[in-house]
């Protein structure tokens, strides 16, 4: 099997490529604007990488869509601050550029594995979000934060329509707050793309000795999923035995790992302080509260909770998440201690 992964250097892309090369005989063709996370892939004769941009290298992409069996376009802007301040750039990349990839899959009859998002459920009030039944509830138009969710949702609907009218073979998957090694870069700038997720924001603050900022008190609840669990599920989706996963949507999350953002901050701080590399520190990050308007600006609106139903993945794929929250956080934090300079006193 030949698999094309666009955005292969990203958090999901590099982990998936490494697992494919380790555990299967599949061939991986990857594109990204960087390759710094691909150390476990480089040198493997079944891994073929090109540095490029999906908005520029269109001929290379079309050739490889035609060449490969499965296409995974993982390129997107997923930075809340950018949703608010540059919504048109988010729409251009997340919808328009990815729509081109979708249409190539239709043109050449290729199977599409598309990363939807848990954010499409928006402010749904269901206790657990069901892929096929839950309503997708977004805020008012003036809240530009929803441009990412709306772009992803529209692509979900377009892909579904191509499946219905043009027989496109596809599977949509919705990651719920995946965490683990190589999640993001550590930086004090929450607007830097590739560094926007809450776990790495908090770890960055701990390493830099800066305050951990809880937006609107950190009462929002999230379910955190360890990357290995997510990749286990994706491998099964790619295998697609008997084609029974075509036309399906799957939540990939861990409903047992729910915590408030405030709880997350205190857990990470405790794990950081307990780590041997931080034993001699004479400073500690304060945990403070900030308003969302101050942190993100106007146009931001948050989601109080999002809990996935994973019954469908269990029934159709035979997959369930295994890694508990504390273990996931310890493994994620250990990676940053191992790969970054020790924090200074």
C-alpha atoms as a PDB file:
ATOM      1  CA  UNK A   1       0.000   0.000   0.000  1.00  0.00           C
ATOM      2  CA  UNK A   2       1.206   3.515  -0.831  1.00  0.00           C
ATOM      3  CA  UNK A   3       0.129   6.359   1.455  1.00  0.00           C
ATOM      4  CA  UNK A   4       0.440  10.098   0.810  1.00  0.00           C
ATOM      5  CA  UNK A   5       0.646  12.215   3.965  1.00  0.00           C
ATOM      6  CA  UNK A   6       0.528  15.976   3.426  1.00  0.00           C
ATOM      7  CA  UNK A   7       1.726  17.707   6.593  1.00  0.00           C
ATOM      8  CA  UNK A   8       3.848  14.689   7.505  1.00  0.00           C
ATOM      9  CA  UNK A   9       6.081  16.687   9.865  1.00  0.00           C
ATOM     10  CA  UNK A  10       3.156  17.659  12.072  1.00  0.00           C
ATOM     11  CA  UNK A  11       2.188  16.053  15.368  1.00  0.00           C
ATOM     12  CA  UNK A  12      -0.121  13.419  13.890  1.00  0.00           C
ATOM     13  CA  UNK A  13       1.769  13.059  10.609  1.00  0.00           C
ATOM     14  CA  UNK A  14       5.195  12.233  11.992  1.00  0.00           C
ATOM     15  CA  UNK A  15       3.834   9.802  14.586  1.00  0.00           C
ATOM     16  CA  UNK A  16       1.703   8.021  11.994  1.00  0.00           C
ATOM     17  CA  UNK A  17       4.527   7.783   9.463  1.00  0.00           C
ATOM     18  CA  UNK A  18       6.914   6.379  12.073  1.00  0.00           C
ATOM     19  CA  UNK A  19       4.370   3.744  13.153  1.00  0.00           C
ATOM     20  CA  UNK A  20       3.636   2.729   9.555  1.00  0.00           C
ATOM     21  CA  UNK A  21       7.321   2.257   8.810  1.00  0.00           C
ATOM     22  CA  UNK A  22       7.851   0.321  12.039  1.00  0.00           C
ATOM     23  CA  UNK A  23       4.875  -2.028  11.939  1.00  0.00           C
ATOM     24  CA  UNK A  24       3.822  -2.472   8.301  1.00  0.00           C
ATOM     25  CA  UNK A  25       5.275  -2.932   4.843  1.00  0.00           C
ATOM     26  CA  UNK A  26       3.471   0.140   3.481  1.00  0.00           C
ATOM     27  CA  UNK A  27       5.249   2.919   1.615  1.00  0.00           C
ATOM     28  CA  UNK A  28       4.934   6.537   2.759  1.00  0.00           C
ATOM     29  CA  UNK A  29       5.207   9.644   0.591  1.00  0.00           C
ATOM     30  CA  UNK A  30       5.260  12.843   2.637  1.00  0.00           C
ATOM     31  CA  UNK A  31       5.331  16.590   2.130  1.00  0.00           C
ATOM     32  CA  UNK A  32       5.790  19.407   4.613  1.00  0.00           C
ATOM     33  CA  UNK A  33       7.518  22.758   4.921  1.00  0.00           C
ATOM     34  CA  UNK A  34       9.896  21.296   7.551  1.00  0.00           C
ATOM     35  CA  UNK A  35      11.341  17.908   8.501  1.00  0.00           C
ATOM     36  CA  UNK A  36      12.671  18.393  12.042  1.00  0.00           C
ATOM     37  CA  UNK A  37      10.278  15.829  13.606  1.00  0.00           C
ATOM     38  CA  UNK A  38      10.980  13.056  11.124  1.00  0.00           C
ATOM     39  CA  UNK A  39      14.084  11.542  12.735  1.00  0.00           C
ATOM     40  CA  UNK A  40      12.370   8.146  13.139  1.00  0.00           C
ATOM     41  CA  UNK A  41      11.502   8.085   9.431  1.00  0.00           C
ATOM     42  CA  UNK A  42      14.578   9.425   7.693  1.00  0.00           C
ATOM     43  CA  UNK A  43      16.799   6.779   6.147  1.00  0.00           C
ATOM     44  CA  UNK A  44      14.015   4.255   5.721  1.00  0.00           C
ATOM     45  CA  UNK A  45      13.824   3.121   2.090  1.00  0.00           C
ATOM     46  CA  UNK A  46      10.008   3.131   2.263  1.00  0.00           C
ATOM     47  CA  UNK A  47       9.883   6.797   3.288  1.00  0.00           C
ATOM     48  CA  UNK A  48       9.979   9.478   0.594  1.00  0.00           C
ATOM     49  CA  UNK A  49       9.947  13.116   1.705  1.00  0.00           C
ATOM     50  CA  UNK A  50       9.850  16.373  -0.186  1.00  0.00           C
ATOM     51  CA  UNK A  51       9.963  19.825   1.334  1.00  0.00           C
ATOM     52  CA  UNK A  52       7.049  21.759  -0.065  1.00  0.00           C
ATOM     53  CA  UNK A  53       3.835  23.703   0.415  1.00  0.00           C
ATOM     54  CA  UNK A  54       0.406  22.385  -0.637  1.00  0.00           C
ATOM     55  CA  UNK A  55      -0.501  25.816  -1.996  1.00  0.00           C
ATOM     56  CA  UNK A  56       2.583  25.870  -4.265  1.00  0.00           C
ATOM     57  CA  UNK A  57       3.695  22.345  -5.180  1.00  0.00           C
ATOM     58  CA  UNK A  58       0.496  21.378  -6.969  1.00  0.00           C
ATOM     59  CA  UNK A  59       2.054  19.262  -9.717  1.00  0.00           C
ATOM     60  CA  UNK A  60       3.960  17.103  -7.207  1.00  0.00           C
ATOM     61  CA  UNK A  61       0.800  16.624  -5.176  1.00  0.00           C
ATOM     62  CA  UNK A  62      -1.339  15.663  -8.158  1.00  0.00           C
ATOM     63  CA  UNK A  63       1.265  13.170  -9.352  1.00  0.00           C
ATOM     64  CA  UNK A  64       1.425  11.518  -5.921  1.00  0.00           C
ATOM     65  CA  UNK A  65      -2.340  11.494  -5.397  1.00  0.00           C
ATOM     66  CA  UNK A  66      -2.509   9.600  -8.694  1.00  0.00           C
ATOM     67  CA  UNK A  67       0.320   7.296  -7.579  1.00  0.00           C
ATOM     68  CA  UNK A  68      -0.852   6.451  -4.041  1.00  0.00           C
ATOM     69  CA  UNK A  69      -3.707   4.342  -2.667  1.00  0.00           C
ATOM     70  CA  UNK A  70      -4.604   6.450   0.373  1.00  0.00           C
ATOM     71  CA  UNK A  71      -4.379  10.238   0.774  1.00  0.00           C
ATOM     72  CA  UNK A  72      -4.244  12.039   4.129  1.00  0.00           C
ATOM     73  CA  UNK A  73      -4.230  15.867   3.962  1.00  0.00           C
ATOM     74  CA  UNK A  74      -3.193  16.874   7.488  1.00  0.00           C
ATOM     75  CA  UNK A  75      -2.252  20.483   6.700  1.00  0.00           C
ATOM     76  CA  UNK A  76      -4.257  23.114   8.594  1.00  0.00           C
ATOM     77  CA  UNK A  77      -3.960  26.190  10.765  1.00  0.00           C
ATOM     78  CA  UNK A  78      -5.159  25.132  14.208  1.00  0.00           C
ATOM     79  CA  UNK A  79      -4.230  28.169  16.289  1.00  0.00           C
ATOM     80  CA  UNK A  80      -7.117  29.919  18.108  1.00  0.00           C
ATOM     81  CA  UNK A  81      -5.377  33.293  18.081  1.00  0.00           C
ATOM     82  CA  UNK A  82      -5.114  33.045  14.283  1.00  0.00           C
ATOM     83  CA  UNK A  83      -8.809  32.153  13.969  1.00  0.00           C
ATOM     84  CA  UNK A  84      -9.618  35.453  15.644  1.00  0.00           C
ATOM     85  CA  UNK A  85      -7.079  37.705  13.940  1.00  0.00           C
ATOM     86  CA  UNK A  86      -6.616  36.178  10.476  1.00  0.00           C
ATOM     87  CA  UNK A  87      -9.807  34.249   9.690  1.00  0.00           C
ATOM     88  CA  UNK A  88      -9.404  34.555   5.911  1.00  0.00           C
ATOM     89  CA  UNK A  89      -5.983  32.901   6.036  1.00  0.00           C
ATOM     90  CA  UNK A  90      -7.496  30.067   8.068  1.00  0.00           C
ATOM     91  CA  UNK A  91     -10.293  29.622   5.524  1.00  0.00           C
ATOM     92  CA  UNK A  92      -7.906  29.746   2.575  1.00  0.00           C
ATOM     93  CA  UNK A  93      -5.661  26.964   3.868  1.00  0.00           C
ATOM     94  CA  UNK A  94      -8.036  24.855   5.917  1.00  0.00           C
ATOM     95  CA  UNK A  95     -10.862  24.842   3.372  1.00  0.00           C
ATOM     96  CA  UNK A  96      -9.824  26.016  -0.084  1.00  0.00           C
ATOM     97  CA  UNK A  97      -6.417  24.336  -0.337  1.00  0.00           C
ATOM     98  CA  UNK A  98      -7.715  21.109   1.173  1.00  0.00           C
ATOM     99  CA  UNK A  99     -10.706  21.143  -1.181  1.00  0.00           C
ATOM    100  CA  UNK A 100      -8.227  20.913  -4.056  1.00  0.00           C
ATOM    101  CA  UNK A 101      -6.862  17.696  -2.528  1.00  0.00           C
ATOM    102  CA  UNK A 102     -10.366  16.299  -2.089  1.00  0.00           C
ATOM    103  CA  UNK A 103     -11.136  16.956  -5.757  1.00  0.00           C
ATOM    104  CA  UNK A 104      -7.943  15.206  -6.843  1.00  0.00           C
ATOM    105  CA  UNK A 105      -9.023  12.137  -4.870  1.00  0.00           C
ATOM    106  CA  UNK A 106     -12.342  12.237  -6.706  1.00  0.00           C
ATOM    107  CA  UNK A 107     -10.591  12.695 -10.063  1.00  0.00           C
ATOM    108  CA  UNK A 108      -8.277   9.719  -9.610  1.00  0.00           C
ATOM    109  CA  UNK A 109     -10.553   7.477  -7.558  1.00  0.00           C
ATOM    110  CA  UNK A 110      -8.327   7.471  -4.451  1.00  0.00           C
ATOM    111  CA  UNK A 111      -9.355   6.782  -0.871  1.00  0.00           C
ATOM    112  CA  UNK A 112      -9.374   9.894   1.318  1.00  0.00           C
ATOM    113  CA  UNK A 113      -8.709   9.904   5.062  1.00  0.00           C
ATOM    114  CA  UNK A 114      -9.635  13.388   6.189  1.00  0.00           C
ATOM    115  CA  UNK A 115      -8.919  14.914   9.611  1.00  0.00           C
ATOM    116  CA  UNK A 116     -12.090  16.604  10.742  1.00  0.00           C
ATOM    117  CA  UNK A 117     -11.983  18.044  14.269  1.00  0.00           C
ATOM    118  CA  UNK A 118     -13.725  17.739  17.607  1.00  0.00           C
ATOM    119  CA  UNK A 119     -14.427  21.456  17.244  1.00  0.00           C
ATOM    120  CA  UNK A 120     -17.133  20.804  14.635  1.00  0.00           C
ATOM    121  CA  UNK A 121     -19.460  19.876  17.506  1.00  0.00           C
ATOM    122  CA  UNK A 122     -19.038  23.406  18.832  1.00  0.00           C
ATOM    123  CA  UNK A 123     -21.408  24.138  21.702  1.00  0.00           C
ATOM    124  CA  UNK A 124     -23.403  20.941  21.327  1.00  0.00           C
ATOM    125  CA  UNK A 125     -25.148  20.118  24.613  1.00  0.00           C
ATOM    126  CA  UNK A 126     -25.074  16.308  24.297  1.00  0.00           C
ATOM    127  CA  UNK A 127     -23.324  14.592  27.214  1.00  0.00           C
ATOM    128  CA  UNK A 128     -21.289  12.633  24.671  1.00  0.00           C
ATOM    129  CA  UNK A 129     -20.782  13.693  21.063  1.00  0.00           C
ATOM    130  CA  UNK A 130     -22.036  11.121  18.567  1.00  0.00           C
ATOM    131  CA  UNK A 131     -20.556  11.169  15.064  1.00  0.00           C
ATOM    132  CA  UNK A 132     -23.832  10.490  13.272  1.00  0.00           C
ATOM    133  CA  UNK A 133     -26.465  12.042  15.555  1.00  0.00           C
ATOM    134  CA  UNK A 134     -25.122  15.044  17.490  1.00  0.00           C
ATOM    135  CA  UNK A 135     -25.976  18.539  16.261  1.00  0.00           C
ATOM    136  CA  UNK A 136     -23.109  20.798  15.259  1.00  0.00           C
ATOM    137  CA  UNK A 137     -23.706  24.087  17.087  1.00  0.00           C
ATOM    138  CA  UNK A 138     -21.545  27.133  16.352  1.00  0.00           C
ATOM    139  CA  UNK A 139     -21.655  30.657  17.722  1.00  0.00           C
ATOM    140  CA  UNK A 140     -22.620  33.923  15.991  1.00  0.00           C
ATOM    141  CA  UNK A 141     -20.845  35.099  12.852  1.00  0.00           C
ATOM    142  CA  UNK A 142     -19.115  37.977  14.652  1.00  0.00           C
ATOM    143  CA  UNK A 143     -17.232  35.422  16.757  1.00  0.00           C
ATOM    144  CA  UNK A 144     -14.434  34.708  14.274  1.00  0.00           C
ATOM    145  CA  UNK A 145     -13.132  31.898  16.462  1.00  0.00           C
ATOM    146  CA  UNK A 146     -15.562  29.588  14.630  1.00  0.00           C
ATOM    147  CA  UNK A 147     -13.948  30.011  11.192  1.00  0.00           C
ATOM    148  CA  UNK A 148     -11.802  26.914  11.803  1.00  0.00           C
ATOM    149  CA  UNK A 149     -14.714  24.757  12.915  1.00  0.00           C
ATOM    150  CA  UNK A 150     -16.945  26.039  10.101  1.00  0.00           C
ATOM    151  CA  UNK A 151     -14.241  25.382   7.477  1.00  0.00           C
ATOM    152  CA  UNK A 152     -13.733  21.831   8.700  1.00  0.00           C
ATOM    153  CA  UNK A 153     -17.474  21.180   8.944  1.00  0.00           C
ATOM    154  CA  UNK A 154     -18.077  22.431   5.421  1.00  0.00           C
ATOM    155  CA  UNK A 155     -15.337  20.166   4.099  1.00  0.00           C
ATOM    156  CA  UNK A 156     -16.899  17.245   5.996  1.00  0.00           C
ATOM    157  CA  UNK A 157     -20.164  17.962   4.192  1.00  0.00           C
ATOM    158  CA  UNK A 158     -18.495  18.378   0.789  1.00  0.00           C
ATOM    159  CA  UNK A 159     -16.607  15.104   1.214  1.00  0.00           C
ATOM    160  CA  UNK A 160     -19.817  13.360   2.230  1.00  0.00           C
ATOM    161  CA  UNK A 161     -21.547  14.776  -0.850  1.00  0.00           C
ATOM    162  CA  UNK A 162     -18.730  13.550  -3.112  1.00  0.00           C
ATOM    163  CA  UNK A 163     -19.149  10.123  -1.566  1.00  0.00           C
ATOM    164  CA  UNK A 164     -22.888  10.248  -2.210  1.00  0.00           C
ATOM    165  CA  UNK A 165     -22.771  11.597  -5.763  1.00  0.00           C
ATOM    166  CA  UNK A 166     -19.343  10.607  -7.099  1.00  0.00           C
ATOM    167  CA  UNK A 167     -18.601   7.423  -5.116  1.00  0.00           C
ATOM    168  CA  UNK A 168     -15.575   8.936  -3.359  1.00  0.00           C
ATOM    169  CA  UNK A 169     -14.187   6.435  -0.859  1.00  0.00           C
ATOM    170  CA  UNK A 170     -13.491   8.312   2.376  1.00  0.00           C
ATOM    171  CA  UNK A 171     -13.268   8.070   6.135  1.00  0.00           C
ATOM    172  CA  UNK A 172     -13.449  11.137   8.391  1.00  0.00           C
ATOM    173  CA  UNK A 173     -11.799  11.123  11.812  1.00  0.00           C
ATOM    174  CA  UNK A 174     -12.153  13.618  14.645  1.00  0.00           C
ATOM    175  CA  UNK A 175      -9.221  13.826  17.105  1.00  0.00           C
ATOM    176  CA  UNK A 176     -10.080  14.931  20.645  1.00  0.00           C
ATOM    177  CA  UNK A 177      -7.142  16.792  22.208  1.00  0.00           C
ATOM    178  CA  UNK A 178      -4.317  14.422  21.325  1.00  0.00           C
ATOM    179  CA  UNK A 179      -1.132  14.898  23.366  1.00  0.00           C
ATOM    180  CA  UNK A 180       2.300  13.285  23.493  1.00  0.00           C
ATOM    181  CA  UNK A 181       5.927  13.671  22.359  1.00  0.00           C
ATOM    182  CA  UNK A 182       6.588  16.185  19.566  1.00  0.00           C
ATOM    183  CA  UNK A 183       3.218  17.836  20.233  1.00  0.00           C
ATOM    184  CA  UNK A 184       4.411  21.413  19.646  1.00  0.00           C
ATOM    185  CA  UNK A 185       7.411  23.645  20.010  1.00  0.00           C
ATOM    186  CA  UNK A 186       7.973  25.288  23.373  1.00  0.00           C
ATOM    187  CA  UNK A 187       7.483  29.043  23.161  1.00  0.00           C
ATOM    188  CA  UNK A 188       6.058  31.850  25.242  1.00  0.00           C
ATOM    189  CA  UNK A 189       4.034  33.057  22.241  1.00  0.00           C
ATOM    190  CA  UNK A 190       0.540  31.455  22.113  1.00  0.00           C
ATOM    191  CA  UNK A 191       0.046  32.888  18.611  1.00  0.00           C
ATOM    192  CA  UNK A 192       2.933  30.980  17.079  1.00  0.00           C
ATOM    193  CA  UNK A 193       1.527  28.332  14.775  1.00  0.00           C
ATOM    194  CA  UNK A 194       2.429  24.825  15.817  1.00  0.00           C
ATOM    195  CA  UNK A 195       2.630  25.911  19.449  1.00  0.00           C
ATOM    196  CA  UNK A 196      -0.960  26.665  20.271  1.00  0.00           C
ATOM    197  CA  UNK A 197      -2.226  23.636  22.172  1.00  0.00           C
ATOM    198  CA  UNK A 198      -2.906  24.082  25.845  1.00  0.00           C
ATOM    199  CA  UNK A 199      -0.605  21.325  27.114  1.00  0.00           C
ATOM    200  CA  UNK A 200       2.442  22.769  25.394  1.00  0.00           C
ATOM    201  CA  UNK A 201       1.449  26.317  26.355  1.00  0.00           C
ATOM    202  CA  UNK A 202       1.526  25.233  29.986  1.00  0.00           C
ATOM    203  CA  UNK A 203       4.763  23.236  29.612  1.00  0.00           C
ATOM    204  CA  UNK A 204       6.377  26.244  27.902  1.00  0.00           C
ATOM    205  CA  UNK A 205       5.411  28.442  30.851  1.00  0.00           C
ATOM    206  CA  UNK A 206       6.889  25.918  33.292  1.00  0.00           C
ATOM    207  CA  UNK A 207      10.188  25.698  31.409  1.00  0.00           C
ATOM    208  CA  UNK A 208      10.448  29.473  31.054  1.00  0.00           C
ATOM    209  CA  UNK A 209       9.356  30.217  34.615  1.00  0.00           C
ATOM    210  CA  UNK A 210       6.454  32.318  33.347  1.00  0.00           C
ATOM    211  CA  UNK A 211       2.913  32.400  34.750  1.00  0.00           C
ATOM    212  CA  UNK A 212       0.502  29.714  33.576  1.00  0.00           C
ATOM    213  CA  UNK A 213      -2.503  31.634  32.291  1.00  0.00           C
ATOM    214  CA  UNK A 214      -5.966  30.167  32.715  1.00  0.00           C
ATOM    215  CA  UNK A 215      -8.311  31.723  30.165  1.00  0.00           C
ATOM    216  CA  UNK A 216     -11.606  32.666  31.852  1.00  0.00           C
ATOM    217  CA  UNK A 217     -10.684  30.665  34.931  1.00  0.00           C
ATOM    218  CA  UNK A 218      -9.817  27.419  33.144  1.00  0.00           C
ATOM    219  CA  UNK A 219     -13.201  25.849  33.870  1.00  0.00           C
ATOM    220  CA  UNK A 220     -13.524  24.464  30.349  1.00  0.00           C
ATOM    221  CA  UNK A 221     -13.427  20.662  30.271  1.00  0.00           C
ATOM    222  CA  UNK A 222     -11.498  18.596  27.730  1.00  0.00           C
ATOM    223  CA  UNK A 223     -10.785  14.889  27.147  1.00  0.00           C
ATOM    224  CA  UNK A 224      -7.086  14.281  26.476  1.00  0.00           C
ATOM    225  CA  UNK A 225      -5.954  11.388  24.284  1.00  0.00           C
ATOM    226  CA  UNK A 226      -2.437   9.975  24.154  1.00  0.00           C
ATOM    227  CA  UNK A 227      -0.930   9.965  20.676  1.00  0.00           C
ATOM    228  CA  UNK A 228      -0.178   6.215  20.668  1.00  0.00           C
ATOM    229  CA  UNK A 229      -3.849   5.448  21.244  1.00  0.00           C
ATOM    230  CA  UNK A 230      -4.844   7.736  18.387  1.00  0.00           C
ATOM    231  CA  UNK A 231      -2.317   6.221  16.004  1.00  0.00           C
ATOM    232  CA  UNK A 232      -3.513   2.713  16.904  1.00  0.00           C
ATOM    233  CA  UNK A 233      -6.946   3.730  15.680  1.00  0.00           C
ATOM    234  CA  UNK A 234      -5.652   5.396  12.516  1.00  0.00           C
ATOM    235  CA  UNK A 235      -3.695   2.297  11.528  1.00  0.00           C
ATOM    236  CA  UNK A 236      -6.896   0.252  11.747  1.00  0.00           C
ATOM    237  CA  UNK A 237      -8.744   2.873   9.700  1.00  0.00           C
ATOM    238  CA  UNK A 238      -6.069   2.767   6.996  1.00  0.00           C
ATOM    239  CA  UNK A 239      -6.258  -1.043   6.898  1.00  0.00           C
ATOM    240  CA  UNK A 240     -10.005  -0.774   6.248  1.00  0.00           C
ATOM    241  CA  UNK A 241     -10.642  -4.505   6.150  1.00  0.00           C
ATOM    242  CA  UNK A 242     -13.348  -5.424   3.632  1.00  0.00           C
ATOM    243  CA  UNK A 243     -13.854  -1.692   2.902  1.00  0.00           C
ATOM    244  CA  UNK A 244     -16.335  -1.479   5.777  1.00  0.00           C
ATOM    245  CA  UNK A 245     -15.025   1.865   7.029  1.00  0.00           C
ATOM    246  CA  UNK A 246     -15.752   3.716   3.787  1.00  0.00           C
ATOM    247  CA  UNK A 247     -18.233   6.536   4.290  1.00  0.00           C
ATOM    248  CA  UNK A 248     -17.832   6.498   8.088  1.00  0.00           C
ATOM    249  CA  UNK A 249     -16.948   9.178  10.638  1.00  0.00           C
ATOM    250  CA  UNK A 250     -15.036   8.310  13.808  1.00  0.00           C
ATOM    251  CA  UNK A 251     -14.345  10.176  17.012  1.00  0.00           C
ATOM    252  CA  UNK A 252     -10.868   9.302  18.271  1.00  0.00           C
ATOM    253  CA  UNK A 253     -10.655  10.361  21.892  1.00  0.00           C
ATOM    254  CA  UNK A 254     -10.561   9.183  25.483  1.00  0.00           C
ATOM    255  CA  UNK A 255     -13.760  10.033  27.406  1.00  0.00           C
ATOM    256  CA  UNK A 256     -12.145   8.711  30.609  1.00  0.00           C
ATOM    257  CA  UNK A 257      -9.432  11.398  30.479  1.00  0.00           C
ATOM    258  CA  UNK A 258     -11.688  14.406  31.084  1.00  0.00           C
ATOM    259  CA  UNK A 259     -10.292  17.285  33.149  1.00  0.00           C
ATOM    260  CA  UNK A 260     -10.780  21.018  33.480  1.00  0.00           C
ATOM    261  CA  UNK A 261      -8.043  23.203  32.070  1.00  0.00           C
ATOM    262  CA  UNK A 262      -7.436  24.379  35.629  1.00  0.00           C
ATOM    263  CA  UNK A 263      -6.959  20.773  36.800  1.00  0.00           C
ATOM    264  CA  UNK A 264      -4.587  20.250  33.885  1.00  0.00           C
ATOM    265  CA  UNK A 265      -2.458  23.225  34.937  1.00  0.00           C
ATOM    266  CA  UNK A 266      -2.068  21.971  38.502  1.00  0.00           C
ATOM    267  CA  UNK A 267      -1.354  18.406  37.352  1.00  0.00           C
ATOM    268  CA  UNK A 268       1.377  19.558  34.973  1.00  0.00           C
ATOM    269  CA  UNK A 269       2.900  21.878  37.557  1.00  0.00           C
ATOM    270  CA  UNK A 270       3.066  19.066  40.121  1.00  0.00           C
ATOM    271  CA  UNK A 271       4.615  16.652  37.602  1.00  0.00           C
ATOM    272  CA  UNK A 272       7.127  19.311  36.530  1.00  0.00           C
ATOM    273  CA  UNK A 273       8.243  20.072  40.086  1.00  0.00           C
ATOM    274  CA  UNK A 274       8.590  16.358  40.875  1.00  0.00           C
ATOM    275  CA  UNK A 275      10.799  15.665  37.828  1.00  0.00           C
ATOM    276  CA  UNK A 276      14.459  15.057  38.670  1.00  0.00           C
ATOM    277  CA  UNK A 277      15.640  17.730  36.226  1.00  0.00           C
ATOM    278  CA  UNK A 278      13.626  20.388  38.072  1.00  0.00           C
ATOM    279  CA  UNK A 279      14.590  19.403  41.623  1.00  0.00           C
ATOM    280  CA  UNK A 280      17.014  22.291  42.136  1.00  0.00           C
ATOM    281  CA  UNK A 281      14.826  25.054  40.742  1.00  0.00           C
ATOM    282  CA  UNK A 282      14.276  27.964  43.113  1.00  0.00           C
ATOM    283  CA  UNK A 283      11.342  29.366  41.180  1.00  0.00           C
ATOM    284  CA  UNK A 284       7.912  28.087  40.231  1.00  0.00           C
ATOM    285  CA  UNK A 285       5.343  29.230  37.686  1.00  0.00           C
ATOM    286  CA  UNK A 286       2.403  31.015  39.229  1.00  0.00           C
ATOM    287  CA  UNK A 287      -1.047  29.974  37.991  1.00  0.00           C
ATOM    288  CA  UNK A 288      -3.117  33.053  37.180  1.00  0.00           C
ATOM    289  CA  UNK A 289      -6.454  33.831  35.548  1.00  0.00           C
ATOM    290  CA  UNK A 290      -6.857  36.017  32.464  1.00  0.00           C
ATOM    291  CA  UNK A 291      -9.851  37.074  30.406  1.00  0.00           C
ATOM    292  CA  UNK A 292     -10.264  35.613  26.923  1.00  0.00           C
ATOM    293  CA  UNK A 293     -10.564  39.104  25.425  1.00  0.00           C
ATOM    294  CA  UNK A 294      -7.170  39.920  26.905  1.00  0.00           C
ATOM    295  CA  UNK A 295      -5.583  36.631  25.805  1.00  0.00           C
ATOM    296  CA  UNK A 296      -7.150  36.184  22.342  1.00  0.00           C
ATOM    297  CA  UNK A 297      -8.881  39.477  21.580  1.00  0.00           C
ATOM    298  CA  UNK A 298     -12.411  40.174  20.376  1.00  0.00           C
ATOM    299  CA  UNK A 299     -14.120  37.457  18.393  1.00  0.00           C
ATOM    300  CA  UNK A 300     -13.192  34.575  20.691  1.00  0.00           C
ATOM    301  CA  UNK A 301     -15.734  32.216  22.174  1.00  0.00           C
ATOM    302  CA  UNK A 302     -14.985  29.000  24.031  1.00  0.00           C
ATOM    303  CA  UNK A 303     -16.508  25.560  24.369  1.00  0.00           C
ATOM    304  CA  UNK A 304     -17.432  24.464  27.882  1.00  0.00           C
ATOM    305  CA  UNK A 305     -16.905  20.753  27.293  1.00  0.00           C
ATOM    306  CA  UNK A 306     -16.462  18.137  24.592  1.00  0.00           C
ATOM    307  CA  UNK A 307     -16.694  14.465  25.412  1.00  0.00           C
ATOM    308  CA  UNK A 308     -16.495  11.919  22.558  1.00  0.00           C
ATOM    309  CA  UNK A 309     -18.565   8.822  22.222  1.00  0.00           C
ATOM    310  CA  UNK A 310     -16.123   6.157  21.025  1.00  0.00           C
ATOM    311  CA  UNK A 311     -18.688   3.344  20.826  1.00  0.00           C
ATOM    312  CA  UNK A 312     -18.602   3.383  17.044  1.00  0.00           C
ATOM    313  CA  UNK A 313     -14.827   2.937  16.944  1.00  0.00           C
ATOM    314  CA  UNK A 314     -15.135   0.059  19.415  1.00  0.00           C
ATOM    315  CA  UNK A 315     -17.929  -1.659  17.473  1.00  0.00           C
ATOM    316  CA  UNK A 316     -16.608  -1.217  13.910  1.00  0.00           C
ATOM    317  CA  UNK A 317     -12.841  -1.115  14.448  1.00  0.00           C
ATOM    318  CA  UNK A 318     -12.326  -2.934  17.734  1.00  0.00           C
ATOM    319  CA  UNK A 319     -10.466   0.055  19.169  1.00  0.00           C
ATOM    320  CA  UNK A 320     -10.516   1.574  22.642  1.00  0.00           C
ATOM    321  CA  UNK A 321      -8.092   4.074  24.232  1.00  0.00           C
ATOM    322  CA  UNK A 322      -5.784   2.646  26.891  1.00  0.00           C
ATOM    323  CA  UNK A 323      -3.531   5.381  28.286  1.00  0.00           C
ATOM    324  CA  UNK A 324      -4.816   7.276  31.341  1.00  0.00           C
ATOM    325  CA  UNK A 325      -4.388  11.030  31.715  1.00  0.00           C
ATOM    326  CA  UNK A 326      -1.601  11.027  34.324  1.00  0.00           C
ATOM    327  CA  UNK A 327       0.478   8.601  32.257  1.00  0.00           C
ATOM    328  CA  UNK A 328      -0.112  10.620  29.097  1.00  0.00           C
ATOM    329  CA  UNK A 329       0.984  13.832  30.808  1.00  0.00           C
ATOM    330  CA  UNK A 330       4.078  12.189  32.333  1.00  0.00           C
ATOM    331  CA  UNK A 331       5.176  10.821  28.955  1.00  0.00           C
ATOM    332  CA  UNK A 332       4.562  14.133  27.230  1.00  0.00           C
ATOM    333  CA  UNK A 333       6.472  16.097  29.876  1.00  0.00           C
ATOM    334  CA  UNK A 334       9.337  13.554  29.880  1.00  0.00           C
ATOM    335  CA  UNK A 335       9.823  14.116  26.156  1.00  0.00           C
ATOM    336  CA  UNK A 336      10.268  17.863  26.656  1.00  0.00           C
ATOM    337  CA  UNK A 337      12.718  17.339  29.509  1.00  0.00           C
ATOM    338  CA  UNK A 338      14.734  14.972  27.311  1.00  0.00           C
ATOM    339  CA  UNK A 339      14.713  17.131  24.190  1.00  0.00           C
ATOM    340  CA  UNK A 340      15.095  20.652  25.606  1.00  0.00           C
ATOM    341  CA  UNK A 341      17.741  22.412  27.694  1.00  0.00           C
ATOM    342  CA  UNK A 342      17.182  21.975  31.414  1.00  0.00           C
ATOM    343  CA  UNK A 343      15.183  24.846  32.908  1.00  0.00           C
ATOM    344  CA  UNK A 344      17.378  27.411  34.626  1.00  0.00           C
ATOM    345  CA  UNK A 345      17.046  28.389  38.275  1.00  0.00           C
END
